[in-house]
Amino acid sequence: MTYSPVMTETVVCWVLVHMIKGTARRGGDHTDKLREQIDGSTGRKHLLRGS
């Protein structure tokens, strides 16, 4: 089966976007864990305090 260049480009872009989104999500998770260890606040309570 042969793929057109447009289809190949679309698939590559889709994969890259989803990989970047997943990496950013995990980075945010790690940042939340670090913040929780530093200030002891869990969940979204820190947003209510304004910090």
PDB file of N, CA and C in Angstrom:
ATOM      1  N   MET A   1       0.846  -1.170   0.000  1.00  0.00           N
ATOM      2  CA  MET A   1       0.000   0.000   0.000  1.00  0.00           C
ATOM      3  C   MET A   1       0.898   1.241   0.000  1.00  0.00           C
ATOM      4  N   THR A   2       0.577   2.201  -0.845  1.00  0.00           N
ATOM      5  CA  THR A   2       1.353   3.440  -0.894  1.00  0.00           C
ATOM      6  C   THR A   2       0.534   4.566  -0.278  1.00  0.00           C
ATOM      7  N   TYR A   3       1.240   5.467   0.344  1.00  0.00           N
ATOM      8  CA  TYR A   3       0.595   6.607   0.982  1.00  0.00           C
ATOM      9  C   TYR A   3       0.992   7.882   0.258  1.00  0.00           C
ATOM     10  N   SER A   4       0.049   8.791   0.144  1.00  0.00           N
ATOM     11  CA  SER A   4       0.357  10.066  -0.483  1.00  0.00           C
ATOM     12  C   SER A   4       1.174  10.916   0.493  1.00  0.00           C
ATOM     13  N   PRO A   5       1.966  11.843  -0.024  1.00  0.00           N
ATOM     14  CA  PRO A   5       2.749  12.710   0.867  1.00  0.00           C
ATOM     15  C   PRO A   5       1.874  13.514   1.827  1.00  0.00           C
ATOM     16  N   VAL A   6       0.708  13.937   1.359  1.00  0.00           N
ATOM     17  CA  VAL A   6      -0.197  14.706   2.224  1.00  0.00           C
ATOM     18  C   VAL A   6      -0.688  13.844   3.380  1.00  0.00           C
ATOM     19  N   MET A   7      -1.053  12.618   3.096  1.00  0.00           N
ATOM     20  CA  MET A   7      -1.533  11.715   4.144  1.00  0.00           C
ATOM     21  C   MET A   7      -0.418  11.422   5.150  1.00  0.00           C
ATOM     22  N   THR A   8       0.789  11.195   4.646  1.00  0.00           N
ATOM     23  CA  THR A   8       1.928  10.922   5.516  1.00  0.00           C
ATOM     24  C   THR A   8       2.206  12.125   6.408  1.00  0.00           C
ATOM     25  N   GLU A   9       2.171  13.328   5.833  1.00  0.00           N
ATOM     26  CA  GLU A   9       2.416  14.548   6.607  1.00  0.00           C
ATOM     27  C   GLU A   9       1.348  14.730   7.685  1.00  0.00           C
ATOM     28  N   THR A  10       0.104  14.450   7.333  1.00  0.00           N
ATOM     29  CA  THR A  10      -0.990  14.576   8.293  1.00  0.00           C
ATOM     30  C   THR A  10      -0.806  13.615   9.458  1.00  0.00           C
ATOM     31  N   VAL A  11      -0.435  12.391   9.165  1.00  0.00           N
ATOM     32  CA  VAL A  11      -0.240  11.394  10.218  1.00  0.00           C
ATOM     33  C   VAL A  11       0.924  11.784  11.114  1.00  0.00           C
ATOM     34  N   VAL A  12       2.015  12.243  10.534  1.00  0.00           N
ATOM     35  CA  VAL A  12       3.177  12.659  11.318  1.00  0.00           C
ATOM     36  C   VAL A  12       2.819  13.834  12.216  1.00  0.00           C
ATOM     37  N   CYS A  13       2.089  14.809  11.687  1.00  0.00           N
ATOM     38  CA  CYS A  13       1.665  15.959  12.498  1.00  0.00           C
ATOM     39  C   CYS A  13       0.768  15.514  13.643  1.00  0.00           C
ATOM     40  N   TRP A  14      -0.160  14.612  13.371  1.00  0.00           N
ATOM     41  CA  TRP A  14      -1.065  14.122  14.406  1.00  0.00           C
ATOM     42  C   TRP A  14      -0.283  13.444  15.528  1.00  0.00           C
ATOM     43  N   VAL A  15       0.674  12.597  15.152  1.00  0.00           N
ATOM     44  CA  VAL A  15       1.484  11.892  16.154  1.00  0.00           C
ATOM     45  C   VAL A  15       2.290  12.885  16.975  1.00  0.00           C
ATOM     46  N   LEU A  16       2.927  13.850  16.331  1.00  0.00           N
ATOM     47  CA  LEU A  16       3.730  14.831  17.055  1.00  0.00           C
ATOM     48  C   LEU A  16       2.892  15.657  18.024  1.00  0.00           C
ATOM     49  N   VAL A  17       1.733  16.109  17.573  1.00  0.00           N
ATOM     50  CA  VAL A  17       0.858  16.911  18.443  1.00  0.00           C
ATOM     51  C   VAL A  17       0.452  16.107  19.667  1.00  0.00           C
ATOM     52  N   HIS A  18       0.085  14.857  19.496  1.00  0.00           N
ATOM     53  CA  HIS A  18      -0.349  14.052  20.629  1.00  0.00           C
ATOM     54  C   HIS A  18       0.804  13.686  21.555  1.00  0.00           C
ATOM     55  N   MET A  19       1.996  13.523  21.000  1.00  0.00           N
ATOM     56  CA  MET A  19       3.168  13.271  21.845  1.00  0.00           C
ATOM     57  C   MET A  19       3.503  14.500  22.677  1.00  0.00           C
ATOM     58  N   ILE A  20       3.416  15.673  22.062  1.00  0.00           N
ATOM     59  CA  ILE A  20       3.701  16.917  22.784  1.00  0.00           C
ATOM     60  C   ILE A  20       2.657  17.144  23.875  1.00  0.00           C
ATOM     61  N   LYS A  21       1.383  16.905  23.558  1.00  0.00           N
ATOM     62  CA  LYS A  21       0.331  17.072  24.559  1.00  0.00           C
ATOM     63  C   LYS A  21       0.534  16.132  25.745  1.00  0.00           C
ATOM     64  N   GLY A  22       0.897  14.885  25.462  1.00  0.00           N
ATOM     65  CA  GLY A  22       1.122  13.914  26.527  1.00  0.00           C
ATOM     66  C   GLY A  22       2.305  14.291  27.400  1.00  0.00           C
ATOM     67  N   THR A  23       3.367  14.768  26.766  1.00  0.00           N
ATOM     68  CA  THR A  23       4.547  15.195  27.512  1.00  0.00           C
ATOM     69  C   THR A  23       4.219  16.399  28.387  1.00  0.00           C
ATOM     70  N   ALA A  24       3.474  17.355  27.849  1.00  0.00           N
ATOM     71  CA  ALA A  24       3.101  18.538  28.627  1.00  0.00           C
ATOM     72  C   ALA A  24       2.212  18.152  29.810  1.00  0.00           C
ATOM     73  N   ARG A  25       1.299  17.226  29.597  1.00  0.00           N
ATOM     74  CA  ARG A  25       0.409  16.786  30.670  1.00  0.00           C
ATOM     75  C   ARG A  25       1.203  16.133  31.794  1.00  0.00           C
ATOM     76  N   ARG A  26       2.145  15.271  31.422  1.00  0.00           N
ATOM     77  CA  ARG A  26       2.964  14.611  32.444  1.00  0.00           C
ATOM     78  C   ARG A  26       3.863  15.609  33.152  1.00  0.00           C
ATOM     79  N   GLY A  27       4.356  16.596  32.419  1.00  0.00           N
ATOM     80  CA  GLY A  27       5.169  17.641  33.036  1.00  0.00           C
ATOM     81  C   GLY A  27       4.361  18.418  34.054  1.00  0.00           C
ATOM     82  N   GLY A  28       3.100  18.694  33.729  1.00  0.00           N
ATOM     83  CA  GLY A  28       2.215  19.385  34.675  1.00  0.00           C
ATOM     84  C   GLY A  28       1.947  18.538  35.900  1.00  0.00           C
ATOM     85  N   ASP A  29       1.784  17.230  35.704  1.00  0.00           N
ATOM     86  CA  ASP A  29       1.570  16.324  36.834  1.00  0.00           C
ATOM     87  C   ASP A  29       2.771  16.346  37.768  1.00  0.00           C
ATOM     88  N   HIS A  30       3.972  16.318  37.189  1.00  0.00           N
ATOM     89  CA  HIS A  30       5.181  16.340  38.008  1.00  0.00           C
ATOM     90  C   HIS A  30       5.310  17.669  38.742  1.00  0.00           C
ATOM     91  N   THR A  31       4.951  18.758  38.082  1.00  0.00           N
ATOM     92  CA  THR A  31       4.999  20.073  38.712  1.00  0.00           C
ATOM     93  C   THR A  31       4.030  20.129  39.886  1.00  0.00           C
ATOM     94  N   ASP A  32       2.830  19.569  39.725  1.00  0.00           N
ATOM     95  CA  ASP A  32       1.863  19.533  40.821  1.00  0.00           C
ATOM     96  C   ASP A  32       2.401  18.742  42.003  1.00  0.00           C
ATOM     97  N   LYS A  33       3.051  17.619  41.736  1.00  0.00           N
ATOM     98  CA  LYS A  33       3.611  16.808  42.826  1.00  0.00           C
ATOM     99  C   LYS A  33       4.685  17.590  43.574  1.00  0.00           C
ATOM    100  N   LEU A  34       5.545  18.294  42.841  1.00  0.00           N
ATOM    101  CA  LEU A  34       6.578  19.097  43.494  1.00  0.00           C
ATOM    102  C   LEU A  34       5.950  20.199  44.347  1.00  0.00           C
ATOM    103  N   ARG A  35       4.940  20.887  43.795  1.00  0.00           N
ATOM    104  CA  ARG A  35       4.279  21.950  44.548  1.00  0.00           C
ATOM    105  C   ARG A  35       3.633  21.400  45.807  1.00  0.00           C
ATOM    106  N   GLU A  36       2.989  20.235  45.693  1.00  0.00           N
ATOM    107  CA  GLU A  36       2.359  19.623  46.853  1.00  0.00           C
ATOM    108  C   GLU A  36       3.390  19.289  47.920  1.00  0.00           C
ATOM    109  N   GLN A  37       4.571  18.836  47.513  1.00  0.00           N
ATOM    110  CA  GLN A  37       5.612  18.524  48.483  1.00  0.00           C
ATOM    111  C   GLN A  37       6.150  19.786  49.147  1.00  0.00           C
ATOM    112  N   ILE A  38       6.186  20.880  48.399  1.00  0.00           N
ATOM    113  CA  ILE A  38       6.728  22.128  48.943  1.00  0.00           C
ATOM    114  C   ILE A  38       5.750  22.796  49.889  1.00  0.00           C
ATOM    115  N   ASP A  39       4.491  22.976  49.462  1.00  0.00           N
ATOM    116  CA  ASP A  39       3.559  23.741  50.303  1.00  0.00           C
ATOM    117  C   ASP A  39       2.497  22.898  50.996  1.00  0.00           C
ATOM    118  N   GLY A  40       2.447  21.611  50.709  1.00  0.00           N
ATOM    119  CA  GLY A  40       1.518  20.724  51.400  1.00  0.00           C
ATOM    120  C   GLY A  40       0.090  20.789  50.896  1.00  0.00           C
ATOM    121  N   SER A  41      -0.195  21.686  49.956  1.00  0.00           N
ATOM    122  CA  SER A  41      -1.546  21.814  49.419  1.00  0.00           C
ATOM    123  C   SER A  41      -1.772  20.752  48.356  1.00  0.00           C
ATOM    124  N   THR A  42      -2.946  20.126  48.372  1.00  0.00           N
ATOM    125  CA  THR A  42      -3.258  19.104  47.365  1.00  0.00           C
ATOM    126  C   THR A  42      -4.443  19.569  46.526  1.00  0.00           C
ATOM    127  N   GLY A  43      -4.592  18.951  45.387  1.00  0.00           N
ATOM    128  CA  GLY A  43      -5.732  19.233  44.509  1.00  0.00           C
ATOM    129  C   GLY A  43      -5.714  20.664  44.014  1.00  0.00           C
ATOM    130  N   ARG A  44      -6.883  21.287  44.015  1.00  0.00           N
ATOM    131  CA  ARG A  44      -6.996  22.650  43.511  1.00  0.00           C
ATOM    132  C   ARG A  44      -7.188  23.654  44.640  1.00  0.00           C
ATOM    133  N   LYS A  45      -6.955  23.260  45.870  1.00  0.00           N
ATOM    134  CA  LYS A  45      -7.115  24.177  47.002  1.00  0.00           C
ATOM    135  C   LYS A  45      -6.188  25.371  46.888  1.00  0.00           C
ATOM    136  N   HIS A  46      -4.994  25.169  46.326  1.00  0.00           N
ATOM    137  CA  HIS A  46      -4.041  26.271  46.192  1.00  0.00           C
ATOM    138  C   HIS A  46      -4.576  27.372  45.290  1.00  0.00           C
ATOM    139  N   LEU A  47      -5.490  27.046  44.380  1.00  0.00           N
ATOM    140  CA  LEU A  47      -6.063  28.063  43.504  1.00  0.00           C
ATOM    141  C   LEU A  47      -7.009  28.970  44.277  1.00  0.00           C
ATOM    142  N   LEU A  48      -7.683  28.422  45.266  1.00  0.00           N
ATOM    143  CA  LEU A  48      -8.615  29.209  46.063  1.00  0.00           C
ATOM    144  C   LEU A  48      -7.889  30.196  46.961  1.00  0.00           C
ATOM    145  N   ARG A  49      -6.659  29.846  47.360  1.00  0.00           N
ATOM    146  CA  ARG A  49      -5.879  30.741  48.223  1.00  0.00           C
ATOM    147  C   ARG A  49      -5.291  31.893  47.453  1.00  0.00           C
ATOM    148  N   GLY A  50      -5.223  31.764  46.134  1.00  0.00           N
ATOM    149  CA  GLY A  50      -4.662  32.823  45.317  1.00  0.00           C
ATOM    150  C   GLY A  50      -3.153  32.738  45.177  1.00  0.00           C
ATOM    151  N   SER A  51      -2.556  31.589  45.534  1.00  0.00           N
ATOM    152  CA  SER A  51      -1.096  31.482  45.385  1.00  0.00           C
ATOM    153  C   SER A  51      -0.756  30.631  44.200  1.00  0.00           C
TER     154      SER A  51
END
